[in-house]
C-alpha atoms as a PDB file:
ATOM      1  CA  MET A   1       0.000   0.000   0.000  1.00  0.00           C
ATOM      2  CA  SER A   2       1.138   3.411  -0.802  1.00  0.00           C
ATOM      3  CA  ALA A   3       0.400   6.680   0.839  1.00  0.00           C
ATOM      4  CA  LEU A   4       0.288  10.060  -0.635  1.00  0.00           C
ATOM      5  CA  ALA A   5       1.745  12.844   1.331  1.00  0.00           C
ATOM      6  CA  ILE A   6      -0.258  16.096   1.220  1.00  0.00           C
ATOM      7  CA  PRO A   7       1.442  19.098   2.642  1.00  0.00           C
ATOM      8  CA  ALA A   8      -0.519  20.848   5.387  1.00  0.00           C
ATOM      9  CA  VAL A   9      -1.910  24.209   4.386  1.00  0.00           C
ATOM     10  CA  PRO A  10      -2.256  26.742   7.127  1.00  0.00           C
ATOM     11  CA  VAL A  11      -5.950  27.638   7.740  1.00  0.00           C
ATOM     12  CA  ARG A  12      -6.753  31.189   8.464  1.00  0.00           C
ATOM     13  CA  GLU A  13      -9.209  31.769  11.246  1.00  0.00           C
ATOM     14  CA  VAL A  14     -12.098  33.981  10.138  1.00  0.00           C
ATOM     15  CA  PRO A  15     -13.990  35.681  12.911  1.00  0.00           C
ATOM     16  CA  ALA A  16     -17.659  34.747  12.873  1.00  0.00           C
ATOM     17  CA  ARG A  17     -19.957  37.526  11.840  1.00  0.00           C
ATOM     18  CA  ARG A  18     -22.453  38.315  14.430  1.00  0.00           C
ATOM     19  CA  ARG A  19     -25.943  39.060  13.287  1.00  0.00           C
ATOM     20  CA  GLY A  20     -27.681  41.213  15.836  1.00  0.00           C
ATOM     21  CA  HIS A  21     -31.194  40.261  14.880  1.00  0.00           C
ATOM     22  CA  LEU A  22     -30.656  36.496  14.804  1.00  0.00           C
ATOM     23  CA  GLN A  23     -29.980  34.428  17.847  1.00  0.00           C
ATOM     24  CA  LEU A  24     -30.013  30.710  18.463  1.00  0.00           C
ATOM     25  CA  VAL A  25     -32.290  29.799  21.306  1.00  0.00           C
ATOM     26  CA  GLY A  26     -33.574  26.662  22.835  1.00  0.00           C
ATOM     27  CA  PRO A  27     -36.669  25.774  24.788  1.00  0.00           C
ATOM     28  CA  GLY A  28     -37.067  27.918  27.895  1.00  0.00           C
ATOM     29  CA  PHE A  29     -34.280  30.298  26.875  1.00  0.00           C
ATOM     30  CA  VAL A  30     -34.787  33.822  28.162  1.00  0.00           C
ATOM     31  CA  PRO A  31     -32.006  36.266  27.360  1.00  0.00           C
ATOM     32  CA  ALA A  32     -30.589  38.324  30.155  1.00  0.00           C
ATOM     33  CA  GLY A  33     -32.184  41.749  30.513  1.00  0.00           C
ATOM     34  CA  ALA A  34     -35.269  40.772  28.510  1.00  0.00           C
ATOM     35  CA  PRO A  35     -38.494  42.481  29.562  1.00  0.00           C
ATOM     36  CA  ALA A  36     -41.174  40.451  31.251  1.00  0.00           C
ATOM     37  CA  ARG A  37     -43.588  38.740  28.909  1.00  0.00           C
ATOM     38  CA  GLN A  38     -46.612  40.810  28.009  1.00  0.00           C
ATOM     39  CA  GLU A  39     -49.912  39.610  26.719  1.00  0.00           C
ATOM     40  CA  ALA A  40     -50.192  40.018  22.986  1.00  0.00           C
ATOM     41  CA  VAL A  41     -52.625  42.769  22.005  1.00  0.00           C
ATOM     42  CA  ARG A  42     -54.688  41.926  18.968  1.00  0.00           C
ATOM     43  CA  PRO A  43     -54.998  44.785  16.534  1.00  0.00           C
ATOM     44  CA  VAL A  44     -58.535  45.933  15.843  1.00  0.00           C
ATOM     45  CA  PRO A  45     -59.368  45.128  12.214  1.00  0.00           C
ATOM     46  CA  ALA A  46     -60.287  48.120  10.074  1.00  0.00           C
ATOM     47  CA  ALA A  47     -63.967  48.468   9.244  1.00  0.00           C
ATOM     48  CA  ARG A  48     -64.609  46.935   5.844  1.00  0.00           C
ATOM     49  CA  PRO A  49     -67.321  48.211   3.600  1.00  0.00           C
ATOM     50  CA  ALA A  50     -70.440  46.090   3.496  1.00  0.00           C
ATOM     51  CA  VAL A  51     -70.271  45.785  -0.304  1.00  0.00           C
ATOM     52  CA  ARG A  52     -67.175  45.730  -2.480  1.00  0.00           C
ATOM     53  CA  LEU A  53     -67.920  46.893  -5.996  1.00  0.00           C
ATOM     54  CA  THR A  54     -66.172  45.615  -9.058  1.00  0.00           C
ATOM     55  CA  ALA A  55     -65.229  47.905 -11.929  1.00  0.00           C
ATOM     56  CA  ARG A  56     -68.516  47.064 -13.662  1.00  0.00           C
ATOM     57  CA  GLY A  57     -70.444  47.805 -10.473  1.00  0.00           C
ATOM     58  CA  ARG A  58     -68.769  51.198 -10.116  1.00  0.00           C
ATOM     59  CA  LEU A  59     -69.604  51.966 -13.762  1.00  0.00           C
ATOM     60  CA  VAL A  60     -73.261  51.009 -13.264  1.00  0.00           C
ATOM     61  CA  ARG A  61     -73.422  53.086 -10.076  1.00  0.00           C
ATOM     62  CA  SER A  62     -71.918  56.102 -11.849  1.00  0.00           C
ATOM     63  CA  LEU A  63     -74.314  55.794 -14.788  1.00  0.00           C
ATOM     64  CA  LEU A  64     -77.274  55.501 -12.417  1.00  0.00           C
ATOM     65  CA  VAL A  65     -76.230  58.643 -10.556  1.00  0.00           C
ATOM     66  CA  MET A  66     -75.780  60.502 -13.850  1.00  0.00           C
ATOM     67  CA  VAL A  67     -79.229  59.422 -15.113  1.00  0.00           C
ATOM     68  CA  LEU A  68     -80.873  60.484 -11.846  1.00  0.00           C
ATOM     69  CA  ALA A  69     -79.078  63.846 -11.942  1.00  0.00           C
ATOM     70  CA  LEU A  70     -80.107  64.400 -15.562  1.00  0.00           C
ATOM     71  CA  THR A  71     -83.727  63.506 -14.771  1.00  0.00           C
ATOM     72  CA  ALA A  72     -83.744  65.907 -11.827  1.00  0.00           C
ATOM     73  CA  ALA A  73     -82.210  68.653 -13.964  1.00  0.00           C
ATOM     74  CA  VAL A  74     -84.771  68.227 -16.749  1.00  0.00           C
ATOM     75  CA  ALA A  75     -87.699  68.093 -14.321  1.00  0.00           C
ATOM     76  CA  GLY A  76     -86.437  71.116 -12.408  1.00  0.00           C
ATOM     77  CA  GLY A  77     -85.771  73.030 -15.605  1.00  0.00           C
ATOM     78  CA  SER A  78     -89.244  72.421 -16.959  1.00  0.00           C
ATOM     79  CA  TRP A  79     -90.784  73.422 -13.618  1.00  0.00           C
ATOM     80  CA  VAL A  80     -88.756  76.634 -13.441  1.00  0.00           C
ATOM     81  CA  GLY A  81     -89.436  77.304 -17.123  1.00  0.00           C
ATOM     82  CA  GLY A  82     -93.147  77.080 -16.465  1.00  0.00           C
ATOM     83  CA  LEU A  83     -92.845  79.546 -13.613  1.00  0.00           C
ATOM     84  CA  VAL A  84     -90.904  82.174 -15.504  1.00  0.00           C
ATOM     85  CA  SER A  85     -92.499  81.860 -18.918  1.00  0.00           C
ATOM     86  CA  ASP A  86     -94.127  85.080 -19.983  1.00  0.00           C
ATOM     87  CA  ALA A  87     -96.740  83.389 -22.215  1.00  0.00           C
ATOM     88  CA  GLN A  88     -99.871  84.061 -20.213  1.00  0.00           C
ATOM     89  CA  GLY A  89    -102.287  82.899 -22.900  1.00  0.00           C
ATOM     90  CA  TYR A  90    -105.491  84.546 -23.952  1.00  0.00           C
ATOM     91  CA  THR A  91    -107.289  86.287 -21.093  1.00  0.00           C
ATOM     92  CA  GLY A  92    -109.980  88.278 -22.951  1.00  0.00           C
ATOM     93  CA  PRO A  93    -113.677  87.521 -23.459  1.00  0.00           C
ATOM     94  CA  VAL A  94    -114.612  84.236 -25.140  1.00  0.00           C
ATOM     95  CA  GLU A  95    -117.661  82.722 -26.866  1.00  0.00           C
ATOM     96  CA  ARG A  96    -118.650  79.195 -27.859  1.00  0.00           C
ATOM     97  CA  VAL A  97    -118.805  78.142 -31.505  1.00  0.00           C
ATOM     98  CA  SER A  98    -120.144  74.880 -32.896  1.00  0.00           C
ATOM     99  CA  VAL A  99    -118.124  73.413 -35.780  1.00  0.00           C
ATOM    100  CA  SER A 100    -120.194  72.496 -38.861  1.00  0.00           C
ATOM    101  CA  ALA A 101    -119.178  70.247 -41.736  1.00  0.00           C
ATOM    102  CA  GLY A 102    -116.423  71.784 -43.885  1.00  0.00           C
ATOM    103  CA  ASP A 103    -115.320  74.381 -41.296  1.00  0.00           C
ATOM    104  CA  THR A 104    -111.578  74.895 -40.783  1.00  0.00           C
ATOM    105  CA  LEU A 105    -109.733  76.396 -37.885  1.00  0.00           C
ATOM    106  CA  TRP A 106    -108.445  79.185 -40.153  1.00  0.00           C
ATOM    107  CA  GLY A 107    -111.970  80.026 -41.314  1.00  0.00           C
ATOM    108  CA  ILE A 108    -113.326  80.170 -37.760  1.00  0.00           C
ATOM    109  CA  ALA A 109    -110.365  82.324 -36.659  1.00  0.00           C
ATOM    110  CA  ALA A 110    -110.840  84.695 -39.613  1.00  0.00           C
ATOM    111  CA  ALA A 111    -114.550  85.050 -38.796  1.00  0.00           C
ATOM    112  CA  THR A 112    -113.932  85.882 -35.117  1.00  0.00           C
ATOM    113  CA  ALA A 113    -110.806  88.055 -35.527  1.00  0.00           C
ATOM    114  CA  ALA A 114    -111.176  91.747 -34.713  1.00  0.00           C
ATOM    115  CA  GLU A 115    -110.492  94.427 -37.333  1.00  0.00           C
ATOM    116  CA  GLY A 116    -106.741  94.535 -38.064  1.00  0.00           C
ATOM    117  CA  GLN A 117    -105.953  91.522 -35.838  1.00  0.00           C
ATOM    118  CA  ASP A 118    -103.577  88.882 -37.224  1.00  0.00           C
ATOM    119  CA  VAL A 119    -105.503  85.659 -37.964  1.00  0.00           C
ATOM    120  CA  ARG A 120    -102.448  83.552 -37.032  1.00  0.00           C
ATOM    121  CA  GLU A 121    -102.572  84.881 -33.468  1.00  0.00           C
ATOM    122  CA  VAL A 122    -106.290  84.053 -33.254  1.00  0.00           C
ATOM    123  CA  VAL A 123    -105.581  80.493 -34.489  1.00  0.00           C
ATOM    124  CA  ASP A 124    -102.920  80.124 -31.765  1.00  0.00           C
ATOM    125  CA  ASP A 125    -105.357  81.444 -29.139  1.00  0.00           C
ATOM    126  CA  ILE A 126    -108.067  78.974 -30.253  1.00  0.00           C
ATOM    127  CA  LEU A 127    -105.597  76.059 -30.119  1.00  0.00           C
ATOM    128  CA  GLU A 128    -104.475  77.068 -26.616  1.00  0.00           C
ATOM    129  CA  LEU A 129    -107.969  77.757 -25.254  1.00  0.00           C
ATOM    130  CA  ASN A 130    -109.237  74.347 -26.399  1.00  0.00           C
ATOM    131  CA  GLY A 131    -106.066  72.346 -25.708  1.00  0.00           C
ATOM    132  CA  LEU A 132    -105.791  71.212 -29.310  1.00  0.00           C
ATOM    133  CA  ALA A 133    -102.554  69.765 -30.656  1.00  0.00           C
ATOM    134  CA  SER A 134    -103.505  70.243 -34.312  1.00  0.00           C
ATOM    135  CA  GLY A 135    -106.068  72.020 -36.444  1.00  0.00           C
ATOM    136  CA  ASP A 136    -108.165  68.899 -37.093  1.00  0.00           C
ATOM    137  CA  LEU A 137    -111.827  69.566 -36.333  1.00  0.00           C
ATOM    138  CA  ALA A 138    -114.913  67.343 -36.282  1.00  0.00           C
ATOM    139  CA  ALA A 139    -118.466  68.377 -37.159  1.00  0.00           C
ATOM    140  CA  GLY A 140    -120.466  69.159 -34.022  1.00  0.00           C
ATOM    141  CA  GLN A 141    -117.363  69.922 -31.939  1.00  0.00           C
ATOM    142  CA  GLN A 142    -117.723  72.846 -29.533  1.00  0.00           C
ATOM    143  CA  LEU A 143    -114.851  75.377 -29.551  1.00  0.00           C
ATOM    144  CA  VAL A 144    -114.096  78.261 -27.243  1.00  0.00           C
ATOM    145  CA  VAL A 145    -112.938  81.217 -29.371  1.00  0.00           C
ATOM    146  CA  PRO A 146    -111.891  84.765 -28.538  1.00  0.00           C
ATOM    147  CA  ALA A 147    -114.829  87.151 -28.815  1.00  0.00           C
ATOM    148  CA  GLY A 148    -114.066  89.780 -31.384  1.00  0.00           C
END
């Protein structure tokens, strides 16, 4: 048997690095100068919202708020517009006229218009007084017209 001779290499001692935040401990180990054990205090959880909305839910909520705001704006605008409108309508004397076959709204307005009065204004007054949407008339219909 043969042996191989290996020369001895000197080993340099390296000082162990000490890590201040790590420490080897065993069961029942209490370091010197450690404070007495305190009861752990549980943190109070933050109040969570009752409902968590997704992106789609936030979009739907935003659209709903916008639609409600638009509806309120339109309703409020029409209400205020009705209050401040200066169209008071016809407030003069009126008479009742019975529509016969072949009569037109223009003909009735021309017959009841005062001297020099615009027939178009009389037609508008007749439409407003009777709540008519158009100039369609039926035979036998009773109309309220401005007395002229």
